[in-house]
PDB file of N, CA and C in Angstrom:
ATOM      1  N   UNK A   1       0.857  -1.167  -0.018  1.00  0.00           N
ATOM      2  CA  UNK A   1       0.057   0.016  -0.003  1.00  0.00           C
ATOM      3  C   UNK A   1       0.866   1.230  -0.012  1.00  0.00           C
ATOM      4  N   UNK A   2       0.778   2.140  -1.002  1.00  0.00           N
ATOM      5  CA  UNK A   2       1.641   3.260  -1.147  1.00  0.00           C
ATOM      6  C   UNK A   2       1.219   4.266  -0.005  1.00  0.00           C
ATOM      7  N   UNK A   3       2.202   5.059   0.413  1.00  0.00           N
ATOM      8  CA  UNK A   3       1.977   6.125   1.370  1.00  0.00           C
ATOM      9  C   UNK A   3       1.739   7.419   0.629  1.00  0.00           C
ATOM     10  N   UNK A   4       0.617   8.045   0.912  1.00  0.00           N
ATOM     11  CA  UNK A   4       0.347   9.315   0.239  1.00  0.00           C
ATOM     12  C   UNK A   4       0.935  10.452   1.024  1.00  0.00           C
ATOM     13  N   UNK A   5       1.665  11.322   0.361  1.00  0.00           N
ATOM     14  CA  UNK A   5       2.345  12.483   1.017  1.00  0.00           C
ATOM     15  C   UNK A   5       1.602  13.755   0.511  1.00  0.00           C
ATOM     16  N   UNK A   6       0.975  14.504   1.404  1.00  0.00           N
ATOM     17  CA  UNK A   6       0.296  15.631   1.010  1.00  0.00           C
ATOM     18  C   UNK A   6       1.303  16.801   0.828  1.00  0.00           C
ATOM     19  N   UNK A   7       1.316  17.470  -0.295  1.00  0.00           N
ATOM     20  CA  UNK A   7       2.214  18.516  -0.509  1.00  0.00           C
ATOM     21  C   UNK A   7       1.688  19.802   0.163  1.00  0.00           C
ATOM     22  N   UNK A   8       2.624  20.614   0.724  1.00  0.00           N
ATOM     23  CA  UNK A   8       2.304  21.796   1.390  1.00  0.00           C
ATOM     24  C   UNK A   8       2.114  22.945   0.309  1.00  0.00           C
ATOM     25  N   UNK A   9       1.054  23.647   0.451  1.00  0.00           N
ATOM     26  CA  UNK A   9       0.788  24.764  -0.444  1.00  0.00           C
ATOM     27  C   UNK A   9       1.674  25.920  -0.009  1.00  0.00           C
ATOM     28  N   UNK A  10       2.421  26.538  -0.862  1.00  0.00           N
ATOM     29  CA  UNK A  10       3.229  27.722  -0.635  1.00  0.00           C
ATOM     30  C   UNK A  10       2.239  28.943  -0.641  1.00  0.00           C
ATOM     31  N   UNK A  11       2.190  29.674   0.390  1.00  0.00           N
ATOM     32  CA  UNK A  11       1.373  30.900   0.462  1.00  0.00           C
ATOM     33  C   UNK A  11       2.334  32.054   0.808  1.00  0.00           C
ATOM     34  N   UNK A  12       2.447  32.966  -0.058  1.00  0.00           N
ATOM     35  CA  UNK A  12       3.278  34.174   0.159  1.00  0.00           C
ATOM     36  C   UNK A  12       2.461  35.321  -0.241  1.00  0.00           C
ATOM     37  N   UNK A  13       2.749  36.380   0.516  1.00  0.00           N
ATOM     38  CA  UNK A  13       2.099  37.703   0.164  1.00  0.00           C
ATOM     39  C   UNK A  13       3.128  38.590  -0.522  1.00  0.00           C
ATOM     40  N   UNK A  14       2.868  39.064  -1.647  1.00  0.00           N
ATOM     41  CA  UNK A  14       3.686  40.112  -2.293  1.00  0.00           C
ATOM     42  C   UNK A  14       3.202  41.414  -1.885  1.00  0.00           C
ATOM     43  N   UNK A  15       3.925  42.047  -0.880  1.00  0.00           N
ATOM     44  CA  UNK A  15       3.492  43.275  -0.387  1.00  0.00           C
ATOM     45  C   UNK A  15       3.869  44.496  -1.293  1.00  0.00           C
ATOM     46  N   UNK A  16       4.813  44.294  -2.071  1.00  0.00           N
ATOM     47  CA  UNK A  16       5.241  45.443  -2.948  1.00  0.00           C
ATOM     48  C   UNK A  16       5.709  44.882  -4.272  1.00  0.00           C
ATOM     49  N   UNK A  17       4.957  45.243  -5.411  1.00  0.00           N
ATOM     50  CA  UNK A  17       5.397  44.856  -6.657  1.00  0.00           C
ATOM     51  C   UNK A  17       6.297  45.963  -7.234  1.00  0.00           C
ATOM     52  N   UNK A  18       7.514  45.622  -7.629  1.00  0.00           N
ATOM     53  CA  UNK A  18       8.390  46.686  -8.045  1.00  0.00           C
ATOM     54  C   UNK A  18       9.007  46.336  -9.438  1.00  0.00           C
ATOM     55  N   UNK A  19       8.693  45.234  -9.985  1.00  0.00           N
ATOM     56  CA  UNK A  19       9.079  44.928 -11.436  1.00  0.00           C
ATOM     57  C   UNK A  19       8.050  44.029 -12.092  1.00  0.00           C
ATOM     58  N   UNK A  20       7.736  44.465 -13.312  1.00  0.00           N
ATOM     59  CA  UNK A  20       6.770  43.763 -14.122  1.00  0.00           C
ATOM     60  C   UNK A  20       7.551  43.553 -15.521  1.00  0.00           C
ATOM     61  N   UNK A  21       7.494  42.360 -16.043  1.00  0.00           N
ATOM     62  CA  UNK A  21       8.114  42.032 -17.291  1.00  0.00           C
ATOM     63  C   UNK A  21       7.280  41.073 -18.068  1.00  0.00           C
ATOM     64  N   UNK A  22       7.094  41.211 -19.352  1.00  0.00           N
ATOM     65  CA  UNK A  22       6.510  40.235 -20.239  1.00  0.00           C
ATOM     66  C   UNK A  22       7.543  39.918 -21.314  1.00  0.00           C
ATOM     67  N   UNK A  23       7.969  38.632 -21.445  1.00  0.00           N
ATOM     68  CA  UNK A  23       8.909  38.364 -22.474  1.00  0.00           C
ATOM     69  C   UNK A  23       8.398  36.991 -23.065  1.00  0.00           C
ATOM     70  N   UNK A  24       8.326  37.035 -24.411  1.00  0.00           N
ATOM     71  CA  UNK A  24       7.825  35.830 -25.125  1.00  0.00           C
ATOM     72  C   UNK A  24       6.581  35.267 -24.387  1.00  0.00           C
ATOM     73  N   UNK A  25       6.558  34.094 -23.927  1.00  0.00           N
ATOM     74  CA  UNK A  25       5.317  33.581 -23.282  1.00  0.00           C
ATOM     75  C   UNK A  25       5.514  33.460 -21.729  1.00  0.00           C
ATOM     76  N   UNK A  26       6.229  34.388 -21.210  1.00  0.00           N
ATOM     77  CA  UNK A  26       6.298  34.428 -19.710  1.00  0.00           C
ATOM     78  C   UNK A  26       6.103  35.891 -19.207  1.00  0.00           C
ATOM     79  N   UNK A  27       5.333  35.884 -18.114  1.00  0.00           N
ATOM     80  CA  UNK A  27       4.981  37.093 -17.424  1.00  0.00           C
ATOM     81  C   UNK A  27       5.550  37.053 -15.985  1.00  0.00           C
ATOM     82  N   UNK A  28       6.355  38.074 -15.682  1.00  0.00           N
ATOM     83  CA  UNK A  28       7.034  38.076 -14.418  1.00  0.00           C
ATOM     84  C   UNK A  28       6.572  39.293 -13.483  1.00  0.00           C
ATOM     85  N   UNK A  29       6.396  38.978 -12.221  1.00  0.00           N
ATOM     86  CA  UNK A  29       6.044  39.899 -11.268  1.00  0.00           C
ATOM     87  C   UNK A  29       7.147  39.744 -10.165  1.00  0.00           C
ATOM     88  N   UNK A  30       7.762  40.832  -9.840  1.00  0.00           N
ATOM     89  CA  UNK A  30       8.851  40.726  -8.719  1.00  0.00           C
ATOM     90  C   UNK A  30       8.535  41.793  -7.763  1.00  0.00           C
ATOM     91  N   UNK A  31       8.760  41.427  -6.489  1.00  0.00           N
ATOM     92  CA  UNK A  31       8.573  42.375  -5.454  1.00  0.00           C
ATOM     93  C   UNK A  31       9.139  41.855  -4.059  1.00  0.00           C
ATOM     94  N   UNK A  32       8.551  42.271  -3.008  1.00  0.00           N
ATOM     95  CA  UNK A  32       9.043  41.881  -1.701  1.00  0.00           C
ATOM     96  C   UNK A  32       7.941  41.195  -1.030  1.00  0.00           C
ATOM     97  N   UNK A  33       8.173  40.207  -0.174  1.00  0.00           N
ATOM     98  CA  UNK A  33       7.198  39.500   0.593  1.00  0.00           C
ATOM     99  C   UNK A  33       6.940  40.261   1.987  1.00  0.00           C
ATOM    100  N   UNK A  34       6.205  39.547   2.753  1.00  0.00           N
ATOM    101  CA  UNK A  34       5.719  40.121   4.055  1.00  0.00           C
ATOM    102  C   UNK A  34       6.886  40.430   5.022  1.00  0.00           C
ATOM    103  N   UNK A  35       8.096  39.852   4.707  1.00  0.00           N
ATOM    104  CA  UNK A  35       9.283  40.084   5.523  1.00  0.00           C
ATOM    105  C   UNK A  35      10.283  40.978   4.936  1.00  0.00           C
ATOM    106  N   UNK A  36       9.925  41.478   3.735  1.00  0.00           N
ATOM    107  CA  UNK A  36      10.768  42.426   3.038  1.00  0.00           C
ATOM    108  C   UNK A  36      11.811  41.763   2.142  1.00  0.00           C
ATOM    109  N   UNK A  37      11.664  40.488   1.916  1.00  0.00           N
ATOM    110  CA  UNK A  37      12.615  39.752   1.131  1.00  0.00           C
ATOM    111  C   UNK A  37      12.087  39.656  -0.343  1.00  0.00           C
ATOM    112  N   UNK A  38      13.052  39.840  -1.242  1.00  0.00           N
ATOM    113  CA  UNK A  38      12.716  39.808  -2.724  1.00  0.00           C
ATOM    114  C   UNK A  38      12.228  38.384  -3.144  1.00  0.00           C
ATOM    115  N   UNK A  39      11.274  38.346  -3.985  1.00  0.00           N
ATOM    116  CA  UNK A  39      10.843  37.125  -4.649  1.00  0.00           C
ATOM    117  C   UNK A  39      10.165  37.428  -5.941  1.00  0.00           C
ATOM    118  N   UNK A  40      10.096  36.467  -6.823  1.00  0.00           N
ATOM    119  CA  UNK A  40       9.550  36.618  -8.157  1.00  0.00           C
ATOM    120  C   UNK A  40       8.676  35.495  -8.447  1.00  0.00           C
ATOM    121  N   UNK A  41       7.550  35.850  -9.190  1.00  0.00           N
ATOM    122  CA  UNK A  41       6.585  34.846  -9.672  1.00  0.00           C
ATOM    123  C   UNK A  41       6.592  34.908 -11.168  1.00  0.00           C
ATOM    124  N   UNK A  42       6.688  33.726 -11.835  1.00  0.00           N
ATOM    125  CA  UNK A  42       6.692  33.675 -13.242  1.00  0.00           C
ATOM    126  C   UNK A  42       5.352  32.869 -13.681  1.00  0.00           C
ATOM    127  N   UNK A  43       4.622  33.510 -14.642  1.00  0.00           N
ATOM    128  CA  UNK A  43       3.415  32.926 -15.144  1.00  0.00           C
ATOM    129  C   UNK A  43       3.510  32.591 -16.665  1.00  0.00           C
ATOM    130  N   UNK A  44       2.878  31.600 -17.048  1.00  0.00           N
ATOM    131  CA  UNK A  44       2.678  31.367 -18.519  1.00  0.00           C
ATOM    132  C   UNK A  44       1.666  32.423 -18.983  1.00  0.00           C
ATOM    133  N   UNK A  45       2.107  33.274 -19.823  1.00  0.00           N
ATOM    134  CA  UNK A  45       1.317  34.475 -20.243  1.00  0.00           C
ATOM    135  C   UNK A  45      -0.074  34.116 -20.819  1.00  0.00           C
ATOM    136  N   UNK A  46      -0.066  33.016 -21.687  1.00  0.00           N
ATOM    137  CA  UNK A  46      -1.348  32.657 -22.257  1.00  0.00           C
ATOM    138  C   UNK A  46      -2.324  32.175 -21.163  1.00  0.00           C
ATOM    139  N   UNK A  47      -1.836  31.340 -20.251  1.00  0.00           N
ATOM    140  CA  UNK A  47      -2.662  30.851 -19.156  1.00  0.00           C
ATOM    141  C   UNK A  47      -3.128  32.016 -18.296  1.00  0.00           C
ATOM    142  N   UNK A  48      -2.256  32.979 -17.965  1.00  0.00           N
ATOM    143  CA  UNK A  48      -2.655  34.073 -17.140  1.00  0.00           C
ATOM    144  C   UNK A  48      -3.749  34.879 -17.766  1.00  0.00           C
ATOM    145  N   UNK A  49      -3.569  35.203 -19.084  1.00  0.00           N
ATOM    146  CA  UNK A  49      -4.724  35.904 -19.810  1.00  0.00           C
ATOM    147  C   UNK A  49      -5.924  35.143 -19.886  1.00  0.00           C
ATOM    148  N   UNK A  50      -5.944  33.790 -19.959  1.00  0.00           N
ATOM    149  CA  UNK A  50      -7.080  32.983 -19.957  1.00  0.00           C
ATOM    150  C   UNK A  50      -7.888  33.202 -18.703  1.00  0.00           C
ATOM    151  N   UNK A  51      -7.168  33.297 -17.595  1.00  0.00           N
ATOM    152  CA  UNK A  51      -7.780  33.404 -16.233  1.00  0.00           C
ATOM    153  C   UNK A  51      -8.114  34.817 -15.832  1.00  0.00           C
ATOM    154  N   UNK A  52      -7.218  35.813 -16.155  1.00  0.00           N
ATOM    155  CA  UNK A  52      -7.429  37.166 -15.689  1.00  0.00           C
ATOM    156  C   UNK A  52      -7.789  37.968 -16.917  1.00  0.00           C
ATOM    157  N   UNK A  53      -9.141  38.086 -17.174  1.00  0.00           N
ATOM    158  CA  UNK A  53      -9.632  38.898 -18.225  1.00  0.00           C
ATOM    159  C   UNK A  53     -10.417  40.082 -17.646  1.00  0.00           C
ATOM    160  N   UNK A  54     -11.216  40.689 -18.493  1.00  0.00           N
ATOM    161  CA  UNK A  54     -11.918  41.910 -18.020  1.00  0.00           C
ATOM    162  C   UNK A  54     -12.882  41.605 -16.896  1.00  0.00           C
ATOM    163  N   UNK A  55     -13.545  40.486 -16.973  1.00  0.00           N
ATOM    164  CA  UNK A  55     -14.495  40.063 -15.897  1.00  0.00           C
ATOM    165  C   UNK A  55     -13.787  39.867 -14.496  1.00  0.00           C
ATOM    166  N   UNK A  56     -12.616  39.258 -14.533  1.00  0.00           N
ATOM    167  CA  UNK A  56     -11.902  39.118 -13.265  1.00  0.00           C
ATOM    168  C   UNK A  56     -11.297  40.384 -12.773  1.00  0.00           C
ATOM    169  N   UNK A  57     -10.905  41.269 -13.677  1.00  0.00           N
ATOM    170  CA  UNK A  57     -10.414  42.525 -13.233  1.00  0.00           C
ATOM    171  C   UNK A  57     -11.448  43.375 -12.639  1.00  0.00           C
ATOM    172  N   UNK A  58     -12.658  43.364 -13.183  1.00  0.00           N
ATOM    173  CA  UNK A  58     -13.833  44.075 -12.605  1.00  0.00           C
ATOM    174  C   UNK A  58     -14.139  43.543 -11.181  1.00  0.00           C
ATOM    175  N   UNK A  59     -14.064  42.182 -11.062  1.00  0.00           N
ATOM    176  CA  UNK A  59     -14.312  41.572  -9.767  1.00  0.00           C
ATOM    177  C   UNK A  59     -13.218  42.034  -8.687  1.00  0.00           C
ATOM    178  N   UNK A  60     -12.015  41.989  -9.111  1.00  0.00           N
ATOM    179  CA  UNK A  60     -10.903  42.474  -8.204  1.00  0.00           C
ATOM    180  C   UNK A  60     -11.119  43.922  -7.781  1.00  0.00           C
ATOM    181  N   UNK A  61     -11.462  44.704  -8.716  1.00  0.00           N
ATOM    182  CA  UNK A  61     -11.701  46.220  -8.450  1.00  0.00           C
ATOM    183  C   UNK A  61     -12.960  46.320  -7.438  1.00  0.00           C
ATOM    184  N   UNK A  62     -14.017  45.573  -7.650  1.00  0.00           N
ATOM    185  CA  UNK A  62     -15.158  45.584  -6.737  1.00  0.00           C
ATOM    186  C   UNK A  62     -14.754  45.199  -5.386  1.00  0.00           C
ATOM    187  N   UNK A  63     -13.970  44.048  -5.301  1.00  0.00           N
ATOM    188  CA  UNK A  63     -13.567  43.667  -3.895  1.00  0.00           C
ATOM    189  C   UNK A  63     -12.687  44.733  -3.192  1.00  0.00           C
ATOM    190  N   UNK A  64     -11.794  45.348  -3.935  1.00  0.00           N
ATOM    191  CA  UNK A  64     -10.961  46.393  -3.416  1.00  0.00           C
ATOM    192  C   UNK A  64     -11.807  47.561  -2.874  1.00  0.00           C
ATOM    193  N   UNK A  65     -12.822  47.923  -3.716  1.00  0.00           N
ATOM    194  CA  UNK A  65     -13.702  49.041  -3.344  1.00  0.00           C
ATOM    195  C   UNK A  65     -14.406  48.739  -2.024  1.00  0.00           C
ATOM    196  N   UNK A  66     -14.882  47.434  -1.912  1.00  0.00           N
ATOM    197  CA  UNK A  66     -15.581  47.072  -0.634  1.00  0.00           C
ATOM    198  C   UNK A  66     -14.557  47.219   0.609  1.00  0.00           C
ATOM    199  N   UNK A  67     -13.377  46.756   0.377  1.00  0.00           N
ATOM    200  CA  UNK A  67     -12.357  46.859   1.426  1.00  0.00           C
ATOM    201  C   UNK A  67     -12.075  48.282   1.803  1.00  0.00           C
ATOM    202  N   UNK A  68     -11.825  49.151   0.841  1.00  0.00           N
ATOM    203  CA  UNK A  68     -11.603  50.497   1.109  1.00  0.00           C
ATOM    204  C   UNK A  68     -12.740  51.241   1.781  1.00  0.00           C
ATOM    205  N   UNK A  69     -13.984  50.892   1.397  1.00  0.00           N
ATOM    206  CA  UNK A  69     -15.169  51.498   2.003  1.00  0.00           C
ATOM    207  C   UNK A  69     -15.367  51.014   3.461  1.00  0.00           C
ATOM    208  N   UNK A  70     -14.894  49.907   3.854  1.00  0.00           N
ATOM    209  CA  UNK A  70     -14.876  49.458   5.190  1.00  0.00           C
ATOM    210  C   UNK A  70     -14.017  50.193   6.111  1.00  0.00           C
ATOM    211  N   UNK A  71     -12.996  50.805   5.583  1.00  0.00           N
ATOM    212  CA  UNK A  71     -11.996  51.502   6.510  1.00  0.00           C
ATOM    213  C   UNK A  71     -12.550  52.797   6.985  1.00  0.00           C
TER     214      UNK A  71
END
């Protein structure tokens, strides 16, 4: 009977985005995490655009407006 090992999900908060780059089929966001350490995320551009389109951007804006209005 094989032993199943559950992989741990990596959860990081990018507090500050300081670099954006799109090159060929890669999209990069670079910034600092919650402890001020640099890190970078690389996305497949095609996949990113499939997921983040106008509808999702509008949803993100609506959620941010709700958050701002609570303050």
